[in-house]
Amino acid sequence: MQTVSVPGTRLALCLLLLRLAVALVLGMWVLNKFLNPGGTSAVLQIYYGLPGIAEALSYLLGALQAIVVLAFLTGFQKRWATALVFLMHLVSSLSPISNYLDPWTPPNLLFFAAWPMLAAIATIYLLRDFDTLLSLQPRRGRHGPTWQEAKS
């Protein structure tokens, strides 16, 4: 395994920027569940093959997703929050498979934007021990870098 030396503050800043950008997108999805519950129902029908849902269920899904997104945004329980965010986004990225097979029909090309975001979430997960800026969980523990090591 090759070792690369990267200034900790730059790495931490890059990971923070990725976390903020991903949380912004996910936050909009959360808001949509509250502001447009009918749209949530339509998405579940069209892309997941599920029956329509009541507004109350959209609000419940939004609340659960909000908890996960807030944990992710704040760096709380990074391993679990980031893994859940990754799984949520993976499922939502795989569900419109027919849109990927016909990319030139509008708006299908937009669905490809999901993949760089999925890669960003994977990056945050793999480097979570160095994601220390504005994080409630700034260090991994006995095996991870200390704040000073990650900062340098």
N, C-alpha and C. Protein backbone atom coordinates (compact mmCIF):
# COMPACT_ATOMS: atom_id res chain seq x y z
N MET A 1 0.84 -1.17 0.00
CA MET A 1 0.00 0.00 0.00
C MET A 1 0.88 1.24 0.00
N GLN A 2 0.60 2.15 -0.90
CA GLN A 2 1.36 3.38 -1.00
C GLN A 2 0.82 4.41 -0.01
N THR A 3 1.72 5.10 0.66
CA THR A 3 1.33 6.14 1.60
C THR A 3 1.54 7.49 0.93
N VAL A 4 0.55 8.37 1.11
CA VAL A 4 0.62 9.71 0.54
C VAL A 4 0.46 10.69 1.69
N SER A 5 1.27 11.72 1.68
CA SER A 5 1.19 12.74 2.71
C SER A 5 0.35 13.91 2.19
N VAL A 6 -0.71 14.21 2.90
CA VAL A 6 -1.59 15.32 2.54
C VAL A 6 -1.77 16.18 3.78
N PRO A 7 -1.63 17.49 3.64
CA PRO A 7 -1.87 18.34 4.81
C PRO A 7 -3.27 18.09 5.37
N GLY A 8 -3.35 17.79 6.67
CA GLY A 8 -4.61 17.44 7.31
C GLY A 8 -5.68 18.51 7.18
N THR A 9 -5.28 19.79 7.26
CA THR A 9 -6.30 20.84 7.18
C THR A 9 -6.91 20.90 5.79
N ARG A 10 -6.12 20.68 4.76
CA ARG A 10 -6.67 20.68 3.40
C ARG A 10 -7.61 19.50 3.19
N LEU A 11 -7.19 18.34 3.66
CA LEU A 11 -8.03 17.15 3.54
C LEU A 11 -9.34 17.34 4.30
N ALA A 12 -9.24 17.84 5.52
CA ALA A 12 -10.44 18.06 6.33
C ALA A 12 -11.36 19.09 5.67
N LEU A 13 -10.78 20.13 5.08
CA LEU A 13 -11.60 21.14 4.39
C LEU A 13 -12.29 20.53 3.17
N CYS A 14 -11.58 19.74 2.40
CA CYS A 14 -12.18 19.09 1.23
C CYS A 14 -13.34 18.18 1.65
N LEU A 15 -13.14 17.42 2.70
CA LEU A 15 -14.19 16.52 3.18
C LEU A 15 -15.38 17.30 3.71
N LEU A 16 -15.13 18.42 4.39
CA LEU A 16 -16.22 19.26 4.86
C LEU A 16 -17.03 19.80 3.68
N LEU A 17 -16.34 20.28 2.66
CA LEU A 17 -17.05 20.82 1.48
C LEU A 17 -17.89 19.74 0.80
N LEU A 18 -17.35 18.54 0.69
CA LEU A 18 -18.13 17.43 0.13
C LEU A 18 -19.35 17.13 1.00
N ARG A 19 -19.14 17.09 2.32
CA ARG A 19 -20.24 16.79 3.24
C ARG A 19 -21.33 17.86 3.15
N LEU A 20 -20.93 19.13 3.08
CA LEU A 20 -21.92 20.21 2.98
C LEU A 20 -22.69 20.14 1.66
N ALA A 21 -22.00 19.85 0.57
CA ALA A 21 -22.67 19.77 -0.74
C ALA A 21 -23.65 18.61 -0.78
N VAL A 22 -23.25 17.46 -0.28
CA VAL A 22 -24.14 16.30 -0.26
C VAL A 22 -25.33 16.57 0.65
N ALA A 23 -25.07 17.16 1.81
CA ALA A 23 -26.16 17.47 2.75
C ALA A 23 -27.13 18.48 2.15
N LEU A 24 -26.65 19.40 1.33
CA LEU A 24 -27.54 20.36 0.67
C LEU A 24 -28.53 19.63 -0.24
N VAL A 25 -28.03 18.72 -1.06
CA VAL A 25 -28.90 17.96 -1.96
C VAL A 25 -29.89 17.11 -1.16
N LEU A 26 -29.37 16.39 -0.18
CA LEU A 26 -30.25 15.54 0.63
C LEU A 26 -31.25 16.37 1.42
N GLY A 27 -30.83 17.54 1.87
CA GLY A 27 -31.74 18.43 2.57
C GLY A 27 -32.89 18.88 1.69
N MET A 28 -32.61 19.11 0.43
CA MET A 28 -33.67 19.47 -0.51
C MET A 28 -34.65 18.31 -0.69
N TRP A 29 -34.13 17.09 -0.71
CA TRP A 29 -35.01 15.92 -0.80
C TRP A 29 -35.91 15.82 0.42
N VAL A 30 -35.33 16.12 1.60
CA VAL A 30 -36.11 16.10 2.84
C VAL A 30 -37.21 17.15 2.76
N LEU A 31 -36.85 18.37 2.39
CA LEU A 31 -37.85 19.44 2.28
C LEU A 31 -38.95 19.08 1.30
N ASN A 32 -38.58 18.44 0.22
CA ASN A 32 -39.57 18.05 -0.79
C ASN A 32 -40.63 17.11 -0.19
N LYS A 33 -40.21 16.25 0.70
CA LYS A 33 -41.17 15.32 1.32
C LYS A 33 -42.22 16.07 2.15
N PHE A 34 -41.84 17.23 2.68
CA PHE A 34 -42.78 18.03 3.47
C PHE A 34 -43.57 19.02 2.61
N LEU A 35 -42.90 19.62 1.63
CA LEU A 35 -43.54 20.65 0.81
C LEU A 35 -44.31 20.08 -0.37
N ASN A 36 -43.94 18.88 -0.79
CA ASN A 36 -44.57 18.26 -1.96
C ASN A 36 -44.80 16.77 -1.71
N PRO A 37 -45.65 16.42 -0.73
CA PRO A 37 -45.86 15.00 -0.43
C PRO A 37 -46.45 14.22 -1.60
N GLY A 38 -47.20 14.88 -2.44
CA GLY A 38 -47.73 14.21 -3.63
C GLY A 38 -46.62 13.82 -4.58
N GLY A 39 -45.60 14.65 -4.67
CA GLY A 39 -44.44 14.34 -5.50
C GLY A 39 -43.67 13.14 -4.97
N THR A 40 -43.58 13.05 -3.66
CA THR A 40 -42.94 11.90 -3.03
C THR A 40 -43.69 10.62 -3.38
N SER A 41 -45.01 10.71 -3.31
CA SER A 41 -45.83 9.55 -3.65
C SER A 41 -45.62 9.14 -5.10
N ALA A 42 -45.56 10.14 -5.98
CA ALA A 42 -45.36 9.86 -7.42
C ALA A 42 -43.99 9.21 -7.67
N VAL A 43 -42.95 9.71 -7.00
CA VAL A 43 -41.61 9.13 -7.16
C VAL A 43 -41.60 7.67 -6.71
N LEU A 44 -42.23 7.39 -5.58
CA LEU A 44 -42.28 6.01 -5.10
C LEU A 44 -43.03 5.11 -6.07
N GLN A 45 -44.07 5.62 -6.70
CA GLN A 45 -44.82 4.83 -7.68
C GLN A 45 -44.02 4.61 -8.95
N ILE A 46 -43.46 5.68 -9.50
CA ILE A 46 -42.78 5.61 -10.81
C ILE A 46 -41.46 4.85 -10.73
N TYR A 47 -40.63 5.18 -9.76
CA TYR A 47 -39.27 4.63 -9.74
C TYR A 47 -39.08 3.41 -8.85
N TYR A 48 -39.96 3.23 -7.89
CA TYR A 48 -39.80 2.11 -6.96
C TYR A 48 -40.90 1.07 -7.10
N GLY A 49 -41.92 1.36 -7.92
CA GLY A 49 -43.01 0.42 -8.11
C GLY A 49 -43.88 0.23 -6.89
N LEU A 50 -43.87 1.19 -5.98
CA LEU A 50 -44.66 1.10 -4.76
C LEU A 50 -46.00 1.81 -4.96
N PRO A 51 -47.01 1.41 -4.20
CA PRO A 51 -48.29 2.11 -4.31
C PRO A 51 -48.16 3.53 -3.76
N GLY A 52 -49.09 4.38 -4.14
CA GLY A 52 -49.09 5.74 -3.63
C GLY A 52 -49.17 5.75 -2.12
N ILE A 53 -48.64 6.79 -1.51
CA ILE A 53 -48.66 6.88 -0.05
C ILE A 53 -49.43 8.13 0.38
N ALA A 54 -49.90 8.08 1.59
CA ALA A 54 -50.61 9.22 2.17
C ALA A 54 -49.60 10.30 2.55
N GLU A 55 -50.11 11.53 2.71
CA GLU A 55 -49.24 12.64 3.12
C GLU A 55 -48.53 12.34 4.42
N ALA A 56 -49.23 11.73 5.35
CA ALA A 56 -48.63 11.45 6.66
C ALA A 56 -47.40 10.56 6.52
N LEU A 57 -47.44 9.60 5.62
CA LEU A 57 -46.29 8.72 5.43
C LEU A 57 -45.13 9.48 4.78
N SER A 58 -45.45 10.41 3.89
CA SER A 58 -44.41 11.25 3.30
C SER A 58 -43.72 12.06 4.39
N TYR A 59 -44.50 12.59 5.32
CA TYR A 59 -43.94 13.36 6.43
C TYR A 59 -43.08 12.48 7.32
N LEU A 60 -43.53 11.25 7.57
CA LEU A 60 -42.75 10.33 8.39
C LEU A 60 -41.43 9.98 7.71
N LEU A 61 -41.48 9.68 6.41
CA LEU A 61 -40.25 9.41 5.67
C LEU A 61 -39.32 10.62 5.69
N GLY A 62 -39.90 11.80 5.54
CA GLY A 62 -39.11 13.03 5.59
C GLY A 62 -38.45 13.22 6.94
N ALA A 63 -39.19 12.94 8.01
CA ALA A 63 -38.63 13.10 9.36
C ALA A 63 -37.49 12.11 9.59
N LEU A 64 -37.68 10.86 9.18
CA LEU A 64 -36.62 9.86 9.35
C LEU A 64 -35.39 10.23 8.53
N GLN A 65 -35.63 10.65 7.30
CA GLN A 65 -34.52 11.05 6.44
C GLN A 65 -33.83 12.29 7.01
N ALA A 66 -34.59 13.21 7.58
CA ALA A 66 -34.01 14.42 8.17
C ALA A 66 -33.07 14.07 9.32
N ILE A 67 -33.43 13.10 10.13
CA ILE A 67 -32.58 12.67 11.24
C ILE A 67 -31.24 12.16 10.71
N VAL A 68 -31.30 11.32 9.68
CA VAL A 68 -30.08 10.77 9.09
C VAL A 68 -29.24 11.88 8.45
N VAL A 69 -29.88 12.77 7.73
CA VAL A 69 -29.15 13.86 7.06
C VAL A 69 -28.53 14.80 8.08
N LEU A 70 -29.24 15.11 9.16
CA LEU A 70 -28.66 15.97 10.20
C LEU A 70 -27.47 15.30 10.88
N ALA A 71 -27.57 14.01 11.13
CA ALA A 71 -26.43 13.28 11.70
C ALA A 71 -25.25 13.34 10.75
N PHE A 72 -25.50 13.13 9.47
CA PHE A 72 -24.45 13.19 8.45
C PHE A 72 -23.85 14.59 8.39
N LEU A 73 -24.69 15.60 8.34
CA LEU A 73 -24.24 16.99 8.24
C LEU A 73 -23.36 17.39 9.41
N THR A 74 -23.74 16.97 10.60
CA THR A 74 -23.01 17.37 11.81
C THR A 74 -21.86 16.44 12.16
N GLY A 75 -21.70 15.36 11.42
CA GLY A 75 -20.62 14.42 11.71
C GLY A 75 -20.89 13.56 12.93
N PHE A 76 -22.16 13.39 13.27
CA PHE A 76 -22.54 12.57 14.42
C PHE A 76 -22.67 11.12 13.97
N GLN A 77 -22.02 10.21 14.70
CA GLN A 77 -22.04 8.78 14.35
C GLN A 77 -21.70 8.61 12.86
N LYS A 78 -20.53 9.09 12.48
CA LYS A 78 -20.12 9.15 11.07
C LYS A 78 -20.25 7.81 10.34
N ARG A 79 -19.80 6.76 10.97
CA ARG A 79 -19.82 5.45 10.29
C ARG A 79 -21.26 5.11 9.88
N TRP A 80 -22.19 5.23 10.81
CA TRP A 80 -23.57 4.83 10.54
C TRP A 80 -24.31 5.85 9.69
N ALA A 81 -24.14 7.12 10.01
CA ALA A 81 -24.86 8.15 9.26
C ALA A 81 -24.41 8.17 7.80
N THR A 82 -23.10 8.10 7.58
CA THR A 82 -22.60 8.13 6.20
C THR A 82 -22.97 6.86 5.46
N ALA A 83 -22.94 5.72 6.13
CA ALA A 83 -23.36 4.46 5.49
C ALA A 83 -24.84 4.52 5.10
N LEU A 84 -25.67 5.05 5.98
CA LEU A 84 -27.10 5.18 5.65
C LEU A 84 -27.33 6.14 4.50
N VAL A 85 -26.61 7.25 4.50
CA VAL A 85 -26.71 8.20 3.39
C VAL A 85 -26.28 7.52 2.09
N PHE A 86 -25.19 6.76 2.15
CA PHE A 86 -24.72 6.05 0.96
C PHE A 86 -25.79 5.06 0.47
N LEU A 87 -26.35 4.29 1.36
CA LEU A 87 -27.37 3.31 0.97
C LEU A 87 -28.62 3.99 0.40
N MET A 88 -29.06 5.09 1.04
CA MET A 88 -30.23 5.83 0.52
C MET A 88 -29.95 6.30 -0.90
N HIS A 89 -28.76 6.88 -1.08
CA HIS A 89 -28.45 7.42 -2.41
C HIS A 89 -28.19 6.32 -3.43
N LEU A 90 -27.62 5.21 -3.00
CA LEU A 90 -27.41 4.08 -3.91
C LEU A 90 -28.74 3.55 -4.43
N VAL A 91 -29.69 3.37 -3.54
CA VAL A 91 -31.02 2.88 -3.95
C VAL A 91 -31.67 3.87 -4.90
N SER A 92 -31.59 5.15 -4.57
CA SER A 92 -32.23 6.14 -5.44
C SER A 92 -31.48 6.29 -6.77
N SER A 93 -30.21 5.95 -6.79
CA SER A 93 -29.44 6.01 -8.03
C SER A 93 -29.71 4.81 -8.93
N LEU A 94 -29.97 3.66 -8.32
CA LEU A 94 -30.23 2.44 -9.10
C LEU A 94 -31.68 2.31 -9.56
N SER A 95 -32.59 2.93 -8.84
CA SER A 95 -34.01 2.72 -9.14
C SER A 95 -34.45 3.21 -10.52
N PRO A 96 -33.91 4.30 -11.06
CA PRO A 96 -34.36 4.71 -12.40
C PRO A 96 -33.52 4.10 -13.52
N ILE A 97 -33.27 2.81 -13.44
CA ILE A 97 -32.37 2.16 -14.39
C ILE A 97 -32.78 2.39 -15.84
N SER A 98 -34.07 2.42 -16.11
CA SER A 98 -34.52 2.64 -17.50
C SER A 98 -34.12 4.02 -18.01
N ASN A 99 -33.99 4.99 -17.13
CA ASN A 99 -33.56 6.32 -17.54
C ASN A 99 -32.10 6.32 -18.00
N TYR A 100 -31.28 5.47 -17.40
CA TYR A 100 -29.88 5.38 -17.81
C TYR A 100 -29.75 4.70 -19.17
N LEU A 101 -30.68 3.83 -19.49
CA LEU A 101 -30.63 3.10 -20.75
C LEU A 101 -31.09 3.94 -21.93
N ASP A 102 -31.70 5.08 -21.64
CA ASP A 102 -32.17 6.00 -22.68
C ASP A 102 -31.74 7.42 -22.32
N PRO A 103 -30.42 7.68 -22.30
CA PRO A 103 -29.93 8.95 -21.77
C PRO A 103 -30.29 10.19 -22.59
N TRP A 104 -30.61 10.01 -23.86
CA TRP A 104 -30.81 11.19 -24.71
C TRP A 104 -32.25 11.67 -24.72
N THR A 105 -33.13 10.99 -24.02
CA THR A 105 -34.50 11.48 -23.87
C THR A 105 -34.56 12.37 -22.63
N PRO A 106 -34.91 13.64 -22.83
CA PRO A 106 -34.97 14.55 -21.66
C PRO A 106 -35.98 14.06 -20.64
N PRO A 107 -35.71 14.19 -19.37
CA PRO A 107 -34.53 14.74 -18.69
C PRO A 107 -33.56 13.65 -18.23
N ASN A 108 -33.52 12.52 -18.91
CA ASN A 108 -32.77 11.36 -18.43
C ASN A 108 -31.28 11.62 -18.22
N LEU A 109 -30.70 12.50 -18.98
CA LEU A 109 -29.28 12.79 -18.83
C LEU A 109 -28.97 13.33 -17.42
N LEU A 110 -29.93 14.00 -16.82
CA LEU A 110 -29.75 14.55 -15.48
C LEU A 110 -29.56 13.46 -14.42
N PHE A 111 -30.08 12.27 -14.68
CA PHE A 111 -29.96 11.19 -13.71
C PHE A 111 -28.50 10.77 -13.50
N PHE A 112 -27.65 11.02 -14.48
CA PHE A 112 -26.25 10.65 -14.36
C PHE A 112 -25.52 11.47 -13.31
N ALA A 113 -26.07 12.60 -12.89
CA ALA A 113 -25.47 13.42 -11.83
C ALA A 113 -25.46 12.68 -10.50
N ALA A 114 -26.26 11.65 -10.38
CA ALA A 114 -26.30 10.88 -9.13
C ALA A 114 -24.98 10.16 -8.87
N TRP A 115 -24.26 9.76 -9.90
CA TRP A 115 -23.07 8.94 -9.72
C TRP A 115 -21.90 9.69 -9.12
N PRO A 116 -21.60 10.93 -9.53
CA PRO A 116 -20.53 11.66 -8.83
C PRO A 116 -20.87 11.91 -7.35
N MET A 117 -22.15 12.13 -7.07
CA MET A 117 -22.54 12.33 -5.68
C MET A 117 -22.35 11.04 -4.88
N LEU A 118 -22.66 9.92 -5.48
CA LEU A 118 -22.45 8.64 -4.82
C LEU A 118 -20.96 8.43 -4.55
N ALA A 119 -20.13 8.80 -5.51
CA ALA A 119 -18.67 8.71 -5.31
C ALA A 119 -18.21 9.64 -4.19
N ALA A 120 -18.81 10.82 -4.09
CA ALA A 120 -18.46 11.77 -3.02
C ALA A 120 -18.82 11.18 -1.66
N ILE A 121 -19.98 10.55 -1.57
CA ILE A 121 -20.40 9.94 -0.30
C ILE A 121 -19.45 8.79 0.06
N ALA A 122 -19.08 7.99 -0.93
CA ALA A 122 -18.13 6.90 -0.67
C ALA A 122 -16.79 7.46 -0.18
N THR A 123 -16.35 8.56 -0.78
CA THR A 123 -15.11 9.20 -0.36
C THR A 123 -15.20 9.67 1.08
N ILE A 124 -16.31 10.30 1.42
CA ILE A 124 -16.51 10.77 2.80
C ILE A 124 -16.49 9.58 3.76
N TYR A 125 -17.13 8.49 3.36
CA TYR A 125 -17.15 7.31 4.23
C TYR A 125 -15.74 6.74 4.43
N LEU A 126 -15.02 6.58 3.34
CA LEU A 126 -13.69 5.98 3.42
C LEU A 126 -12.69 6.85 4.18
N LEU A 127 -12.88 8.16 4.13
CA LEU A 127 -11.95 9.09 4.79
C LEU A 127 -12.59 9.76 6.01
N ARG A 128 -13.63 9.14 6.56
CA ARG A 128 -14.40 9.74 7.65
C ARG A 128 -13.56 10.10 8.87
N ASP A 129 -12.47 9.39 9.10
CA ASP A 129 -11.63 9.68 10.26
C ASP A 129 -10.90 11.02 10.11
N PHE A 130 -10.79 11.51 8.90
CA PHE A 130 -10.12 12.78 8.65
C PHE A 130 -11.12 13.92 8.41
N ASP A 131 -12.40 13.60 8.45
CA ASP A 131 -13.47 14.59 8.28
C ASP A 131 -13.76 15.20 9.65
N THR A 132 -12.92 16.15 10.04
CA THR A 132 -12.94 16.65 11.42
C THR A 132 -13.50 18.06 11.56
N LEU A 133 -13.56 18.84 10.50
CA LEU A 133 -14.05 20.21 10.61
C LEU A 133 -15.56 20.24 10.80
N LEU A 134 -16.02 21.02 11.77
CA LEU A 134 -17.44 21.17 12.08
C LEU A 134 -18.11 19.81 12.26
N SER A 135 -17.42 18.93 12.93
CA SER A 135 -17.91 17.58 13.14
C SER A 135 -18.08 17.32 14.63
N LEU A 136 -19.19 16.71 15.00
CA LEU A 136 -19.42 16.35 16.40
C LEU A 136 -18.55 15.17 16.84
N GLN A 137 -18.03 14.47 15.88
CA GLN A 137 -17.19 13.30 16.17
C GLN A 137 -15.86 13.48 15.44
N PRO A 138 -14.97 14.33 15.99
CA PRO A 138 -13.77 14.71 15.24
C PRO A 138 -12.69 13.65 15.13
N ARG A 139 -12.76 12.58 15.90
CA ARG A 139 -11.70 11.58 15.78
C ARG A 139 -12.28 10.18 15.94
N ARG A 140 -11.60 9.24 15.35
CA ARG A 140 -12.07 7.86 15.33
C ARG A 140 -11.88 7.14 16.64
N GLY A 141 -10.93 7.51 17.41
CA GLY A 141 -10.67 6.79 18.66
C GLY A 141 -9.26 6.29 18.72
N ARG A 142 -9.06 5.16 19.37
CA ARG A 142 -7.71 4.68 19.65
C ARG A 142 -6.91 4.34 18.40
N HIS A 143 -7.58 4.00 17.29
CA HIS A 143 -6.85 3.63 16.08
C HIS A 143 -6.76 4.77 15.07
N GLY A 144 -7.50 5.82 15.29
CA GLY A 144 -7.55 6.90 14.32
C GLY A 144 -6.61 8.04 14.65
N PRO A 145 -6.57 9.01 13.77
CA PRO A 145 -5.70 10.15 14.00
C PRO A 145 -6.25 11.02 15.12
N THR A 146 -5.36 11.66 15.86
CA THR A 146 -5.82 12.62 16.84
C THR A 146 -6.18 13.90 16.10
N TRP A 147 -6.81 14.81 16.80
CA TRP A 147 -7.19 16.09 16.19
C TRP A 147 -5.94 16.77 15.63
N GLN A 148 -4.83 16.76 16.39
CA GLN A 148 -3.62 17.43 15.95
C GLN A 148 -3.03 16.73 14.72
N GLU A 149 -3.07 15.42 14.67
CA GLU A 149 -2.54 14.69 13.51
C GLU A 149 -3.38 14.98 12.28
N ALA A 150 -4.69 14.99 12.42
CA ALA A 150 -5.56 15.27 11.28
C ALA A 150 -5.45 16.72 10.85
N LYS A 151 -5.11 17.60 11.80
CA LYS A 151 -5.02 19.03 11.53
C LYS A 151 -3.74 19.38 10.78
N SER A 152 -2.68 18.64 10.98
CA SER A 152 -1.39 18.97 10.37
C SER A 152 -1.32 18.66 8.90
